[in-house]
């Protein structure tokens, strides 16, 4: 069996509490069906907390906005593909750095206890 991760963005009414729904046994399929729509999030780095939720905009960043390239620039598709590959490289490096930093902090903390 293999494991895959996917980041899905759900569009919900303001009063929906996904954490509560999951704790009461809701399945992802049910949550998607009860949403106003959903999309797969691409080229994103995020911190997912309890129940796998990325809670706020400060907990993630995706390739887009000012990071993206103006489509009117010559060869913009080709340049965009290259920029996305750079973004992927940076994200993976930062994930490795975060792991190493956490392990150092964890070991320091446990040695003090």
PDB file of N, CA and C in Angstrom:
ATOM      1  N   UNK A   1       0.851  -1.173   0.000  1.00  0.00           N
ATOM      2  CA  UNK A   1       0.000   0.000   0.000  1.00  0.00           C
ATOM      3  C   UNK A   1       0.898   1.237   0.000  1.00  0.00           C
ATOM      4  N   UNK A   2       0.523   2.226  -0.765  1.00  0.00           N
ATOM      5  CA  UNK A   2       1.276   3.470  -0.759  1.00  0.00           C
ATOM      6  C   UNK A   2       0.456   4.565  -0.088  1.00  0.00           C
ATOM      7  N   UNK A   3       1.129   5.615   0.283  1.00  0.00           N
ATOM      8  CA  UNK A   3       0.471   6.737   0.937  1.00  0.00           C
ATOM      9  C   UNK A   3       0.657   7.975   0.065  1.00  0.00           C
ATOM     10  N   UNK A   4      -0.396   8.712  -0.117  1.00  0.00           N
ATOM     11  CA  UNK A   4      -0.350   9.977  -0.868  1.00  0.00           C
ATOM     12  C   UNK A   4      -0.957  11.068   0.007  1.00  0.00           C
ATOM     13  N   UNK A   5      -0.471  12.272  -0.162  1.00  0.00           N
ATOM     14  CA  UNK A   5      -1.047  13.438   0.504  1.00  0.00           C
ATOM     15  C   UNK A   5      -1.597  14.352  -0.586  1.00  0.00           C
ATOM     16  N   UNK A   6      -2.717  14.970  -0.281  1.00  0.00           N
ATOM     17  CA  UNK A   6      -3.297  15.913  -1.233  1.00  0.00           C
ATOM     18  C   UNK A   6      -3.867  17.088  -0.435  1.00  0.00           C
ATOM     19  N   UNK A   7      -3.675  18.269  -0.941  1.00  0.00           N
ATOM     20  CA  UNK A   7      -4.194  19.460  -0.291  1.00  0.00           C
ATOM     21  C   UNK A   7      -5.436  19.909  -1.063  1.00  0.00           C
ATOM     22  N   UNK A   8      -6.569  19.875  -0.382  1.00  0.00           N
ATOM     23  CA  UNK A   8      -7.854  20.234  -0.989  1.00  0.00           C
ATOM     24  C   UNK A   8      -8.394  21.462  -0.274  1.00  0.00           C
ATOM     25  N   UNK A   9      -8.873  22.403  -1.044  1.00  0.00           N
ATOM     26  CA  UNK A   9      -9.479  23.605  -0.497  1.00  0.00           C
ATOM     27  C   UNK A   9     -10.991  23.466  -0.635  1.00  0.00           C
ATOM     28  N   UNK A  10     -11.706  23.559   0.499  1.00  0.00           N
ATOM     29  CA  UNK A  10     -13.161  23.476   0.508  1.00  0.00           C
ATOM     30  C   UNK A  10     -13.759  24.871   0.671  1.00  0.00           C
ATOM     31  N   UNK A  11     -14.850  25.114  -0.007  1.00  0.00           N
ATOM     32  CA  UNK A  11     -15.579  26.378   0.116  1.00  0.00           C
ATOM     33  C   UNK A  11     -16.830  26.096   0.938  1.00  0.00           C
ATOM     34  N   UNK A  12     -16.898  26.718   2.131  1.00  0.00           N
ATOM     35  CA  UNK A  12     -17.922  26.381   3.119  1.00  0.00           C
ATOM     36  C   UNK A  12     -18.673  27.613   3.598  1.00  0.00           C
ATOM     37  N   UNK A  13     -19.839  27.364   4.164  1.00  0.00           N
ATOM     38  CA  UNK A  13     -20.570  28.428   4.845  1.00  0.00           C
ATOM     39  C   UNK A  13     -19.773  28.831   6.083  1.00  0.00           C
ATOM     40  N   UNK A  14     -19.916  30.079   6.530  1.00  0.00           N
ATOM     41  CA  UNK A  14     -19.146  30.586   7.661  1.00  0.00           C
ATOM     42  C   UNK A  14     -19.369  29.803   8.951  1.00  0.00           C
ATOM     43  N   UNK A  15     -20.551  29.227   9.130  1.00  0.00           N
ATOM     44  CA  UNK A  15     -20.863  28.564  10.393  1.00  0.00           C
ATOM     45  C   UNK A  15     -20.444  27.091  10.443  1.00  0.00           C
ATOM     46  N   UNK A  16     -19.825  26.565   9.407  1.00  0.00           N
ATOM     47  CA  UNK A  16     -19.397  25.168   9.387  1.00  0.00           C
ATOM     48  C   UNK A  16     -18.117  25.016  10.205  1.00  0.00           C
ATOM     49  N   UNK A  17     -18.086  24.024  11.098  1.00  0.00           N
ATOM     50  CA  UNK A  17     -16.915  23.736  11.924  1.00  0.00           C
ATOM     51  C   UNK A  17     -16.372  22.360  11.526  1.00  0.00           C
ATOM     52  N   UNK A  18     -15.387  22.345  10.640  1.00  0.00           N
ATOM     53  CA  UNK A  18     -14.856  21.084  10.131  1.00  0.00           C
ATOM     54  C   UNK A  18     -14.198  20.242  11.218  1.00  0.00           C
ATOM     55  N   UNK A  19     -13.503  20.883  12.147  1.00  0.00           N
ATOM     56  CA  UNK A  19     -12.899  20.115  13.242  1.00  0.00           C
ATOM     57  C   UNK A  19     -13.961  19.348  14.013  1.00  0.00           C
ATOM     58  N   UNK A  20     -15.042  20.011  14.330  1.00  0.00           N
ATOM     59  CA  UNK A  20     -16.121  19.372  15.067  1.00  0.00           C
ATOM     60  C   UNK A  20     -16.747  18.250  14.231  1.00  0.00           C
ATOM     61  N   UNK A  21     -16.978  18.515  12.961  1.00  0.00           N
ATOM     62  CA  UNK A  21     -17.555  17.492  12.087  1.00  0.00           C
ATOM     63  C   UNK A  21     -16.683  16.247  12.031  1.00  0.00           C
ATOM     64  N   UNK A  22     -15.374  16.428  11.908  1.00  0.00           N
ATOM     65  CA  UNK A  22     -14.458  15.279  11.864  1.00  0.00           C
ATOM     66  C   UNK A  22     -14.444  14.527  13.183  1.00  0.00           C
ATOM     67  N   UNK A  23     -14.440  15.259  14.275  1.00  0.00           N
ATOM     68  CA  UNK A  23     -14.436  14.609  15.583  1.00  0.00           C
ATOM     69  C   UNK A  23     -15.720  13.831  15.830  1.00  0.00           C
ATOM     70  N   UNK A  24     -16.785  14.210  15.135  1.00  0.00           N
ATOM     71  CA  UNK A  24     -18.056  13.489  15.265  1.00  0.00           C
ATOM     72  C   UNK A  24     -18.179  12.377  14.230  1.00  0.00           C
ATOM     73  N   UNK A  25     -17.095  12.110  13.483  1.00  0.00           N
ATOM     74  CA  UNK A  25     -17.072  10.969  12.578  1.00  0.00           C
ATOM     75  C   UNK A  25     -17.344  11.257  11.119  1.00  0.00           C
ATOM     76  N   UNK A  26     -17.422  12.529  10.743  1.00  0.00           N
ATOM     77  CA  UNK A  26     -17.653  12.845   9.326  1.00  0.00           C
ATOM     78  C   UNK A  26     -16.475  12.345   8.499  1.00  0.00           C
ATOM     79  N   UNK A  27     -16.773  11.875   7.299  1.00  0.00           N
ATOM     80  CA  UNK A  27     -15.736  11.423   6.377  1.00  0.00           C
ATOM     81  C   UNK A  27     -15.439  12.542   5.387  1.00  0.00           C
ATOM     82  N   UNK A  28     -14.240  12.502   4.825  1.00  0.00           N
ATOM     83  CA  UNK A  28     -13.833  13.532   3.870  1.00  0.00           C
ATOM     84  C   UNK A  28     -14.812  13.606   2.709  1.00  0.00           C
ATOM     85  N   UNK A  29     -15.253  12.474   2.214  1.00  0.00           N
ATOM     86  CA  UNK A  29     -16.207  12.451   1.101  1.00  0.00           C
ATOM     87  C   UNK A  29     -17.482  13.217   1.466  1.00  0.00           C
ATOM     88  N   UNK A  30     -17.967  13.026   2.689  1.00  0.00           N
ATOM     89  CA  UNK A  30     -19.170  13.735   3.142  1.00  0.00           C
ATOM     90  C   UNK A  30     -18.919  15.239   3.233  1.00  0.00           C
ATOM     91  N   UNK A  31     -17.737  15.611   3.722  1.00  0.00           N
ATOM     92  CA  UNK A  31     -17.418  17.029   3.847  1.00  0.00           C
ATOM     93  C   UNK A  31     -17.332  17.694   2.477  1.00  0.00           C
ATOM     94  N   UNK A  32     -16.722  17.004   1.520  1.00  0.00           N
ATOM     95  CA  UNK A  32     -16.627  17.552   0.162  1.00  0.00           C
ATOM     96  C   UNK A  32     -18.018  17.693  -0.442  1.00  0.00           C
ATOM     97  N   UNK A  33     -18.854  16.686  -0.261  1.00  0.00           N
ATOM     98  CA  UNK A  33     -20.213  16.736  -0.816  1.00  0.00           C
ATOM     99  C   UNK A  33     -21.066  17.825  -0.172  1.00  0.00           C
ATOM    100  N   UNK A  34     -20.800  18.150   1.087  1.00  0.00           N
ATOM    101  CA  UNK A  34     -21.610  19.168   1.766  1.00  0.00           C
ATOM    102  C   UNK A  34     -21.049  20.577   1.554  1.00  0.00           C
ATOM    103  N   UNK A  35     -19.894  20.693   0.921  1.00  0.00           N
ATOM    104  CA  UNK A  35     -19.303  22.012   0.697  1.00  0.00           C
ATOM    105  C   UNK A  35     -19.949  22.683  -0.509  1.00  0.00           C
ATOM    106  N   UNK A  36     -19.640  23.940  -0.677  1.00  0.00           N
ATOM    107  CA  UNK A  36     -20.136  24.700  -1.829  1.00  0.00           C
ATOM    108  C   UNK A  36     -19.253  24.481  -3.049  1.00  0.00           C
ATOM    109  N   UNK A  37     -18.211  23.701  -2.866  1.00  0.00           N
ATOM    110  CA  UNK A  37     -17.284  23.381  -3.938  1.00  0.00           C
ATOM    111  C   UNK A  37     -15.905  23.131  -3.352  1.00  0.00           C
ATOM    112  N   UNK A  38     -15.017  22.618  -4.175  1.00  0.00           N
ATOM    113  CA  UNK A  38     -13.660  22.382  -3.709  1.00  0.00           C
ATOM    114  C   UNK A  38     -12.712  22.433  -4.895  1.00  0.00           C
ATOM    115  N   UNK A  39     -11.442  22.553  -4.588  1.00  0.00           N
ATOM    116  CA  UNK A  39     -10.417  22.549  -5.611  1.00  0.00           C
ATOM    117  C   UNK A  39      -9.161  21.937  -5.026  1.00  0.00           C
ATOM    118  N   UNK A  40      -8.337  21.393  -5.874  1.00  0.00           N
ATOM    119  CA  UNK A  40      -7.036  20.886  -5.450  1.00  0.00           C
ATOM    120  C   UNK A  40      -6.063  22.056  -5.481  1.00  0.00           C
ATOM    121  N   UNK A  41      -5.314  22.216  -4.404  1.00  0.00           N
ATOM    122  CA  UNK A  41      -4.370  23.318  -4.284  1.00  0.00           C
ATOM    123  C   UNK A  41      -3.025  22.852  -4.833  1.00  0.00           C
ATOM    124  N   UNK A  42      -2.485  23.624  -5.751  1.00  0.00           N
ATOM    125  CA  UNK A  42      -1.224  23.251  -6.397  1.00  0.00           C
ATOM    126  C   UNK A  42      -0.091  24.176  -5.973  1.00  0.00           C
ATOM    127  N   UNK A  43       1.107  23.628  -5.969  1.00  0.00           N
ATOM    128  CA  UNK A  43       2.340  24.396  -5.736  1.00  0.00           C
ATOM    129  C   UNK A  43       2.281  25.172  -4.423  1.00  0.00           C
ATOM    130  N   UNK A  44       1.921  24.472  -3.345  1.00  0.00           N
ATOM    131  CA  UNK A  44       1.712  25.100  -2.048  1.00  0.00           C
ATOM    132  C   UNK A  44       2.578  24.417  -0.998  1.00  0.00           C
ATOM    133  N   UNK A  45       3.087  25.206  -0.074  1.00  0.00           N
ATOM    134  CA  UNK A  45       3.746  24.679   1.110  1.00  0.00           C
ATOM    135  C   UNK A  45       2.902  25.144   2.292  1.00  0.00           C
ATOM    136  N   UNK A  46       2.660  24.220   3.249  1.00  0.00           N
ATOM    137  CA  UNK A  46       1.724  24.550   4.320  1.00  0.00           C
ATOM    138  C   UNK A  46       2.057  23.788   5.594  1.00  0.00           C
ATOM    139  N   UNK A  47       1.613  24.342   6.719  1.00  0.00           N
ATOM    140  CA  UNK A  47       1.627  23.637   7.984  1.00  0.00           C
ATOM    141  C   UNK A  47       0.195  23.188   8.257  1.00  0.00           C
ATOM    142  N   UNK A  48       0.008  21.889   8.351  1.00  0.00           N
ATOM    143  CA  UNK A  48      -1.311  21.331   8.664  1.00  0.00           C
ATOM    144  C   UNK A  48      -1.303  20.923  10.132  1.00  0.00           C
ATOM    145  N   UNK A  49      -2.221  21.462  10.880  1.00  0.00           N
ATOM    146  CA  UNK A  49      -2.311  21.158  12.301  1.00  0.00           C
ATOM    147  C   UNK A  49      -3.259  19.991  12.560  1.00  0.00           C
ATOM    148  N   UNK A  50      -3.933  20.066  13.659  1.00  0.00           N
ATOM    149  CA  UNK A  50      -4.849  19.008  14.089  1.00  0.00           C
ATOM    150  C   UNK A  50      -5.871  18.705  13.003  1.00  0.00           C
ATOM    151  N   UNK A  51      -6.156  17.455  12.803  1.00  0.00           N
ATOM    152  CA  UNK A  51      -7.097  16.969  11.791  1.00  0.00           C
ATOM    153  C   UNK A  51      -6.654  17.305  10.366  1.00  0.00           C
ATOM    154  N   UNK A  52      -5.398  17.700  10.192  1.00  0.00           N
ATOM    155  CA  UNK A  52      -4.885  17.973   8.860  1.00  0.00           C
ATOM    156  C   UNK A  52      -5.283  19.321   8.286  1.00  0.00           C
ATOM    157  N   UNK A  53      -5.801  20.209   9.134  1.00  0.00           N
ATOM    158  CA  UNK A  53      -6.273  21.493   8.633  1.00  0.00           C
ATOM    159  C   UNK A  53      -5.175  22.539   8.587  1.00  0.00           C
ATOM    160  N   UNK A  54      -5.138  23.278   7.498  1.00  0.00           N
ATOM    161  CA  UNK A  54      -4.333  24.480   7.377  1.00  0.00           C
ATOM    162  C   UNK A  54      -5.284  25.604   7.769  1.00  0.00           C
ATOM    163  N   UNK A  55      -5.090  26.145   8.963  1.00  0.00           N
ATOM    164  CA  UNK A  55      -6.119  27.009   9.548  1.00  0.00           C
ATOM    165  C   UNK A  55      -6.171  28.434   9.013  1.00  0.00           C
ATOM    166  N   UNK A  56      -5.043  29.009   8.682  1.00  0.00           N
ATOM    167  CA  UNK A  56      -5.087  30.405   8.261  1.00  0.00           C
ATOM    168  C   UNK A  56      -4.138  30.672   7.113  1.00  0.00           C
ATOM    169  N   UNK A  57      -4.306  31.823   6.499  1.00  0.00           N
ATOM    170  CA  UNK A  57      -3.463  32.173   5.366  1.00  0.00           C
ATOM    171  C   UNK A  57      -1.998  32.288   5.777  1.00  0.00           C
ATOM    172  N   UNK A  58      -1.736  32.558   7.060  1.00  0.00           N
ATOM    173  CA  UNK A  58      -0.358  32.653   7.524  1.00  0.00           C
ATOM    174  C   UNK A  58       0.297  31.278   7.660  1.00  0.00           C
ATOM    175  N   UNK A  59      -0.482  30.212   7.537  1.00  0.00           N
ATOM    176  CA  UNK A  59       0.033  28.850   7.667  1.00  0.00           C
ATOM    177  C   UNK A  59       0.387  28.200   6.332  1.00  0.00           C
ATOM    178  N   UNK A  60       0.280  28.955   5.258  1.00  0.00           N
ATOM    179  CA  UNK A  60       0.614  28.386   3.953  1.00  0.00           C
ATOM    180  C   UNK A  60       0.963  29.490   2.965  1.00  0.00           C
ATOM    181  N   UNK A  61       1.634  29.063   1.926  1.00  0.00           N
ATOM    182  CA  UNK A  61       1.893  29.978   0.817  1.00  0.00           C
ATOM    183  C   UNK A  61       1.962  29.140  -0.443  1.00  0.00           C
ATOM    184  N   UNK A  62       1.309  29.630  -1.462  1.00  0.00           N
ATOM    185  CA  UNK A  62       1.302  28.926  -2.737  1.00  0.00           C
ATOM    186  C   UNK A  62       1.875  29.783  -3.833  1.00  0.00           C
ATOM    187  N   UNK A  63       2.319  29.124  -4.868  1.00  0.00           N
ATOM    188  CA  UNK A  63       2.858  29.840  -6.018  1.00  0.00           C
ATOM    189  C   UNK A  63       1.709  30.564  -6.699  1.00  0.00           C
ATOM    190  N   UNK A  64       1.778  31.872  -6.723  1.00  0.00           N
ATOM    191  CA  UNK A  64       0.727  32.675  -7.345  1.00  0.00           C
ATOM    192  C   UNK A  64       0.934  34.135  -7.001  1.00  0.00           C
ATOM    193  N   UNK A  65       0.011  34.947  -7.429  1.00  0.00           N
ATOM    194  CA  UNK A  65       0.100  36.373  -7.141  1.00  0.00           C
ATOM    195  C   UNK A  65       1.386  36.964  -7.668  1.00  0.00           C
ATOM    196  N   UNK A  66       2.078  37.704  -6.817  1.00  0.00           N
ATOM    197  CA  UNK A  66       3.312  38.360  -7.242  1.00  0.00           C
ATOM    198  C   UNK A  66       4.427  37.369  -7.545  1.00  0.00           C
ATOM    199  N   UNK A  67       4.291  36.120  -7.100  1.00  0.00           N
ATOM    200  CA  UNK A  67       5.301  35.104  -7.408  1.00  0.00           C
ATOM    201  C   UNK A  67       5.169  34.620  -8.850  1.00  0.00           C
ATOM    202  N   UNK A  68       3.993  34.714  -9.394  1.00  0.00           N
ATOM    203  CA  UNK A  68       3.729  34.226 -10.744  1.00  0.00           C
ATOM    204  C   UNK A  68       4.284  35.209 -11.778  1.00  0.00           C
ATOM    205  N   UNK A  69       4.219  34.826 -13.037  1.00  0.00           N
ATOM    206  CA  UNK A  69       4.766  35.631 -14.121  1.00  0.00           C
ATOM    207  C   UNK A  69       3.617  36.193 -14.958  1.00  0.00           C
ATOM    208  N   UNK A  70       3.790  37.370 -15.458  1.00  0.00           N
ATOM    209  CA  UNK A  70       2.796  38.002 -16.325  1.00  0.00           C
ATOM    210  C   UNK A  70       2.680  37.193 -17.620  1.00  0.00           C
ATOM    211  N   UNK A  71       1.476  36.816 -17.968  1.00  0.00           N
ATOM    212  CA  UNK A  71       1.264  35.973 -19.149  1.00  0.00           C
ATOM    213  C   UNK A  71       1.575  36.680 -20.468  1.00  0.00           C
ATOM    214  N   UNK A  72       1.788  38.003 -20.421  1.00  0.00           N
ATOM    215  CA  UNK A  72       2.104  38.728 -21.650  1.00  0.00           C
ATOM    216  C   UNK A  72       3.607  38.722 -21.974  1.00  0.00           C
ATOM    217  N   UNK A  73       4.412  38.241 -21.046  1.00  0.00           N
ATOM    218  CA  UNK A  73       5.860  38.162 -21.270  1.00  0.00           C
ATOM    219  C   UNK A  73       6.145  37.059 -22.292  1.00  0.00           C
ATOM    220  N   UNK A  74       7.126  37.296 -23.164  1.00  0.00           N
ATOM    221  CA  UNK A  74       7.513  36.282 -24.153  1.00  0.00           C
ATOM    222  C   UNK A  74       7.857  34.961 -23.470  1.00  0.00           C
ATOM    223  N   UNK A  75       7.342  33.871 -24.035  1.00  0.00           N
ATOM    224  CA  UNK A  75       7.613  32.516 -23.531  1.00  0.00           C
ATOM    225  C   UNK A  75       7.195  32.371 -22.067  1.00  0.00           C
ATOM    226  N   UNK A  76       6.085  32.988 -21.702  1.00  0.00           N
ATOM    227  CA  UNK A  76       5.668  33.000 -20.301  1.00  0.00           C
ATOM    228  C   UNK A  76       5.390  31.600 -19.757  1.00  0.00           C
ATOM    229  N   UNK A  77       4.823  30.704 -20.557  1.00  0.00           N
ATOM    230  CA  UNK A  77       4.547  29.343 -20.069  1.00  0.00           C
ATOM    231  C   UNK A  77       5.836  28.622 -19.707  1.00  0.00           C
ATOM    232  N   UNK A  78       6.812  28.738 -20.572  1.00  0.00           N
ATOM    233  CA  UNK A  78       8.113  28.110 -20.341  1.00  0.00           C
ATOM    234  C   UNK A  78       8.795  28.707 -19.111  1.00  0.00           C
ATOM    235  N   UNK A  79       8.735  30.021 -18.985  1.00  0.00           N
ATOM    236  CA  UNK A  79       9.348  30.699 -17.842  1.00  0.00           C
ATOM    237  C   UNK A  79       8.604  30.369 -16.553  1.00  0.00           C
ATOM    238  N   UNK A  80       7.286  30.271 -16.648  1.00  0.00           N
ATOM    239  CA  UNK A  80       6.484  29.917 -15.475  1.00  0.00           C
ATOM    240  C   UNK A  80       6.839  28.518 -14.995  1.00  0.00           C
ATOM    241  N   UNK A  81       6.970  27.573 -15.921  1.00  0.00           N
ATOM    242  CA  UNK A  81       7.358  26.208 -15.548  1.00  0.00           C
ATOM    243  C   UNK A  81       8.700  26.204 -14.817  1.00  0.00           C
ATOM    244  N   UNK A  82       9.638  27.000 -15.307  1.00  0.00           N
ATOM    245  CA  UNK A  82      10.944  27.078 -14.659  1.00  0.00           C
ATOM    246  C   UNK A  82      10.809  27.668 -13.248  1.00  0.00           C
ATOM    247  N   UNK A  83      10.019  28.736 -13.113  1.00  0.00           N
ATOM    248  CA  UNK A  83       9.828  29.364 -11.799  1.00  0.00           C
ATOM    249  C   UNK A  83       9.156  28.404 -10.822  1.00  0.00           C
ATOM    250  N   UNK A  84       8.204  27.621 -11.306  1.00  0.00           N
ATOM    251  CA  UNK A  84       7.555  26.628 -10.438  1.00  0.00           C
ATOM    252  C   UNK A  84       8.577  25.588  -9.986  1.00  0.00           C
ATOM    253  N   UNK A  85       9.476  25.183 -10.879  1.00  0.00           N
ATOM    254  CA  UNK A  85      10.504  24.218 -10.478  1.00  0.00           C
ATOM    255  C   UNK A  85      11.433  24.828  -9.422  1.00  0.00           C
ATOM    256  N   UNK A  86      11.742  26.125  -9.542  1.00  0.00           N
ATOM    257  CA  UNK A  86      12.533  26.800  -8.505  1.00  0.00           C
ATOM    258  C   UNK A  86      11.778  26.822  -7.173  1.00  0.00           C
ATOM    259  N   UNK A  87      10.486  27.121  -7.239  1.00  0.00           N
ATOM    260  CA  UNK A  87       9.642  27.157  -6.040  1.00  0.00           C
ATOM    261  C   UNK A  87       9.635  25.779  -5.369  1.00  0.00           C
ATOM    262  N   UNK A  88       9.508  24.733  -6.158  1.00  0.00           N
ATOM    263  CA  UNK A  88       9.523  23.369  -5.611  1.00  0.00           C
ATOM    264  C   UNK A  88      10.850  23.098  -4.893  1.00  0.00           C
ATOM    265  N   UNK A  89      11.949  23.474  -5.504  1.00  0.00           N
ATOM    266  CA  UNK A  89      13.273  23.270  -4.914  1.00  0.00           C
ATOM    267  C   UNK A  89      13.381  24.013  -3.587  1.00  0.00           C
ATOM    268  N   UNK A  90      12.968  25.271  -3.567  1.00  0.00           N
ATOM    269  CA  UNK A  90      13.023  26.073  -2.338  1.00  0.00           C
ATOM    270  C   UNK A  90      12.154  25.438  -1.254  1.00  0.00           C
ATOM    271  N   UNK A  91      10.945  25.025  -1.601  1.00  0.00           N
ATOM    272  CA  UNK A  91      10.039  24.424  -0.618  1.00  0.00           C
ATOM    273  C   UNK A  91      10.634  23.168  -0.009  1.00  0.00           C
ATOM    274  N   UNK A  92      11.170  22.295  -0.840  1.00  0.00           N
ATOM    275  CA  UNK A  92      11.752  21.048  -0.323  1.00  0.00           C
ATOM    276  C   UNK A  92      12.954  21.317   0.565  1.00  0.00           C
ATOM    277  N   UNK A  93      13.767  22.299   0.201  1.00  0.00           N
ATOM    278  CA  UNK A  93      14.901  22.671   1.053  1.00  0.00           C
ATOM    279  C   UNK A  93      14.414  23.185   2.403  1.00  0.00           C
ATOM    280  N   UNK A  94      13.356  24.000   2.395  1.00  0.00           N
ATOM    281  CA  UNK A  94      12.833  24.560   3.642  1.00  0.00           C
ATOM    282  C   UNK A  94      12.219  23.477   4.516  1.00  0.00           C
ATOM    283  N   UNK A  95      11.605  22.484   3.911  1.00  0.00           N
ATOM    284  CA  UNK A  95      11.055  21.366   4.686  1.00  0.00           C
ATOM    285  C   UNK A  95      12.191  20.612   5.368  1.00  0.00           C
ATOM    286  N   UNK A  96      13.261  20.340   4.640  1.00  0.00           N
ATOM    287  CA  UNK A  96      14.428  19.682   5.234  1.00  0.00           C
ATOM    288  C   UNK A  96      15.018  20.529   6.358  1.00  0.00           C
ATOM    289  N   UNK A  97      15.136  21.833   6.131  1.00  0.00           N
ATOM    290  CA  UNK A  97      15.663  22.734   7.159  1.00  0.00           C
ATOM    291  C   UNK A  97      14.776  22.731   8.402  1.00  0.00           C
ATOM    292  N   UNK A  98      13.467  22.734   8.207  1.00  0.00           N
ATOM    293  CA  UNK A  98      12.536  22.730   9.334  1.00  0.00           C
ATOM    294  C   UNK A  98      12.686  21.450  10.157  1.00  0.00           C
ATOM    295  N   UNK A  99      12.835  20.332   9.484  1.00  0.00           N
ATOM    296  CA  UNK A  99      13.019  19.057  10.181  1.00  0.00           C
ATOM    297  C   UNK A  99      14.302  19.091  11.012  1.00  0.00           C
ATOM    298  N   UNK A 100      15.402  19.499  10.399  1.00  0.00           N
ATOM    299  CA  UNK A 100      16.679  19.547  11.103  1.00  0.00           C
ATOM    300  C   UNK A 100      16.615  20.504  12.297  1.00  0.00           C
ATOM    301  N   UNK A 101      16.030  21.677  12.099  1.00  0.00           N
ATOM    302  CA  UNK A 101      15.916  22.638  13.199  1.00  0.00           C
ATOM    303  C   UNK A 101      15.064  22.078  14.328  1.00  0.00           C
ATOM    304  N   UNK A 102      13.937  21.445  13.977  1.00  0.00           N
ATOM    305  CA  UNK A 102      13.076  20.870  15.005  1.00  0.00           C
ATOM    306  C   UNK A 102      13.802  19.791  15.787  1.00  0.00           C
ATOM    307  N   UNK A 103      14.512  18.905  15.096  1.00  0.00           N
ATOM    308  CA  UNK A 103      15.207  17.818  15.781  1.00  0.00           C
ATOM    309  C   UNK A 103      16.268  18.364  16.733  1.00  0.00           C
ATOM    310  N   UNK A 104      16.961  19.416  16.343  1.00  0.00           N
ATOM    311  CA  UNK A 104      17.939  20.046  17.223  1.00  0.00           C
ATOM    312  C   UNK A 104      17.246  20.617  18.457  1.00  0.00           C
ATOM    313  N   UNK A 105      16.160  21.351  18.251  1.00  0.00           N
ATOM    314  CA  UNK A 105      15.414  21.939  19.373  1.00  0.00           C
ATOM    315  C   UNK A 105      14.817  20.863  20.276  1.00  0.00           C
ATOM    316  N   UNK A 106      14.300  19.817  19.676  1.00  0.00           N
ATOM    317  CA  UNK A 106      13.726  18.702  20.448  1.00  0.00           C
ATOM    318  C   UNK A 106      14.793  18.083  21.342  1.00  0.00           C
ATOM    319  N   UNK A 107      15.951  17.784  20.770  1.00  0.00           N
ATOM    320  CA  UNK A 107      17.019  17.167  21.547  1.00  0.00           C
ATOM    321  C   UNK A 107      17.505  18.085  22.664  1.00  0.00           C
ATOM    322  N   UNK A 108      17.623  19.376  22.380  1.00  0.00           N
ATOM    323  CA  UNK A 108      18.015  20.337  23.416  1.00  0.00           C
ATOM    324  C   UNK A 108      16.985  20.362  24.540  1.00  0.00           C
ATOM    325  N   UNK A 109      15.721  20.371  24.175  1.00  0.00           N
ATOM    326  CA  UNK A 109      14.642  20.401  25.165  1.00  0.00           C
ATOM    327  C   UNK A 109      14.670  19.149  26.035  1.00  0.00           C
ATOM    328  N   UNK A 110      14.804  17.973  25.401  1.00  0.00           N
ATOM    329  CA  UNK A 110      14.774  16.730  26.148  1.00  0.00           C
ATOM    330  C   UNK A 110      16.006  16.554  27.034  1.00  0.00           C
ATOM    331  N   UNK A 111      17.126  17.094  26.625  1.00  0.00           N
ATOM    332  CA  UNK A 111      18.343  17.012  27.451  1.00  0.00           C
ATOM    333  C   UNK A 111      18.214  17.851  28.710  1.00  0.00           C
ATOM    334  N   UNK A 112      17.429  18.934  28.660  1.00  0.00           N
ATOM    335  CA  UNK A 112      17.225  19.804  29.826  1.00  0.00           C
ATOM    336  C   UNK A 112      16.277  19.187  30.835  1.00  0.00           C
ATOM    337  N   UNK A 113      15.398  18.291  30.395  1.00  0.00           N
ATOM    338  CA  UNK A 113      14.369  17.722  31.273  1.00  0.00           C
ATOM    339  C   UNK A 113      14.878  16.579  32.091  1.00  0.00           C
TER     340      UNK A 113
END
